[in-house]
C-alpha atoms as a PDB file:
ATOM      1  CA  MET A   1     -44.634  20.581  34.903  1.00  0.00           C
ATOM      2  CA  GLN A   2     -44.821  16.894  33.540  1.00  0.00           C
ATOM      3  CA  ALA A   3     -44.509  14.257  36.842  1.00  0.00           C
ATOM      4  CA  ILE A   4     -41.526  12.573  34.894  1.00  0.00           C
ATOM      5  CA  ASP A   5     -38.917  14.106  32.332  1.00  0.00           C
ATOM      6  CA  GLU A   6     -36.415  12.906  30.627  1.00  0.00           C
ATOM      7  CA  ALA A   7     -32.726  14.514  30.496  1.00  0.00           C
ATOM      8  CA  LEU A   8     -29.692  13.758  28.484  1.00  0.00           C
ATOM      9  CA  LEU A   9     -26.724  14.590  30.469  1.00  0.00           C
ATOM     10  CA  GLN A  10     -22.912  13.849  30.710  1.00  0.00           C
ATOM     11  CA  CYS A  11     -21.600  11.031  32.663  1.00  0.00           C
ATOM     12  CA  PRO A  12     -19.016  12.817  34.688  1.00  0.00           C
ATOM     13  CA  HIS A  13     -16.885   9.957  34.576  1.00  0.00           C
ATOM     14  CA  CYS A  14     -16.803   8.784  30.774  1.00  0.00           C
ATOM     15  CA  GLY A  15     -18.393  11.908  29.398  1.00  0.00           C
ATOM     16  CA  GLU A  16     -20.916   9.827  27.501  1.00  0.00           C
ATOM     17  CA  THR A  17     -24.639  11.171  26.657  1.00  0.00           C
ATOM     18  CA  ILE A  18     -26.977   8.919  29.377  1.00  0.00           C
ATOM     19  CA  SER A  19     -30.663   9.411  29.326  1.00  0.00           C
ATOM     20  CA  LEU A  20     -31.883  10.077  32.972  1.00  0.00           C
ATOM     21  CA  LEU A  21     -35.496   9.647  33.965  1.00  0.00           C
ATOM     22  CA  LEU A  22     -36.277  12.500  36.460  1.00  0.00           C
ATOM     23  CA  ASP A  23     -39.633  12.392  39.069  1.00  0.00           C
ATOM     24  CA  LEU A  24     -40.304  15.487  39.163  1.00  0.00           C
ATOM     25  CA  THR A  25     -42.898  15.306  41.923  1.00  0.00           C
ATOM     26  CA  GLY A  26     -40.751  14.273  44.828  1.00  0.00           C
ATOM     27  CA  GLY A  27     -38.983  17.863  44.910  1.00  0.00           C
ATOM     28  CA  THR A  28     -35.365  18.082  45.575  1.00  0.00           C
ATOM     29  CA  GLN A  29     -33.758  14.876  45.897  1.00  0.00           C
ATOM     30  CA  SER A  30     -30.081  13.309  45.988  1.00  0.00           C
ATOM     31  CA  TYR A  31     -29.543   9.440  45.062  1.00  0.00           C
ATOM     32  CA  VAL A  32     -26.901   7.342  43.384  1.00  0.00           C
ATOM     33  CA  GLU A  33     -27.593   6.088  39.941  1.00  0.00           C
ATOM     34  CA  ASP A  34     -25.079   3.733  37.879  1.00  0.00           C
ATOM     35  CA  CYS A  35     -23.860   5.096  34.171  1.00  0.00           C
ATOM     36  CA  GLN A  36     -25.681   3.113  31.366  1.00  0.00           C
ATOM     37  CA  VAL A  37     -22.452   2.867  29.546  1.00  0.00           C
ATOM     38  CA  CYS A  38     -19.521   2.743  32.037  1.00  0.00           C
ATOM     39  CA  CYS A  39     -21.278   1.283  35.145  1.00  0.00           C
ATOM     40  CA  GLN A  40     -19.736   3.874  37.495  1.00  0.00           C
ATOM     41  CA  PRO A  41     -22.169   5.298  40.337  1.00  0.00           C
ATOM     42  CA  ILE A  42     -23.164   8.522  39.892  1.00  0.00           C
ATOM     43  CA  HIS A  43     -24.408  11.394  42.594  1.00  0.00           C
ATOM     44  CA  VAL A  44     -27.656  13.038  41.014  1.00  0.00           C
ATOM     45  CA  ASN A  45     -28.796  16.218  42.753  1.00  0.00           C
ATOM     46  CA  LEU A  46     -32.205  17.551  41.389  1.00  0.00           C
ATOM     47  CA  TRP A  47     -33.146  20.408  42.365  1.00  0.00           C
ATOM     48  CA  ILE A  48     -37.141  21.636  42.099  1.00  0.00           C
ATOM     49  CA  ASP A  49     -37.975  25.624  41.404  1.00  0.00           C
ATOM     50  CA  SER A  50     -41.832  25.047  41.350  1.00  0.00           C
ATOM     51  CA  HIS A  51     -41.963  29.427  40.967  1.00  0.00           C
ATOM     52  CA  GLU A  52     -40.385  28.774  37.745  1.00  0.00           C
ATOM     53  CA  ASP A  53     -41.632  25.488  36.865  1.00  0.00           C
ATOM     54  CA  ASP A  54     -38.131  24.423  35.882  1.00  0.00           C
ATOM     55  CA  TYR A  55     -35.439  22.068  37.881  1.00  0.00           C
ATOM     56  CA  HIS A  56     -31.502  21.524  37.793  1.00  0.00           C
ATOM     57  CA  VAL A  57     -29.814  18.340  37.732  1.00  0.00           C
ATOM     58  CA  ASP A  58     -26.201  18.121  39.079  1.00  0.00           C
ATOM     59  CA  LEU A  59     -24.015  14.854  38.171  1.00  0.00           C
ATOM     60  CA  ARG A  60     -20.848  13.938  40.266  1.00  0.00           C
ATOM     61  CA  ARG A  61     -18.455  11.278  40.524  1.00  0.00           C
ATOM     62  CA  GLU A  62     -18.538   9.364  43.989  1.00  0.00           C
ATOM     63  CA  GLN A  63     -15.106  11.045  44.953  1.00  0.00           C
ATOM     64  CA  ASP A  64     -16.029  14.765  44.365  1.00  0.00           C
END
């Protein structure tokens, strides 16, 4: 698995496609990043599955 991966995901606020750079070396992570289109805060949850060499990303609005 690469150390950094670019993911194209949909903003939960405006629905636009945004690009997130994911640090896959830090393990499971939860952080807030602003949407590049609408500037609203997005809660990013990243789970690393080291057994399958894969990851899962969940984006949520602050009020969700």
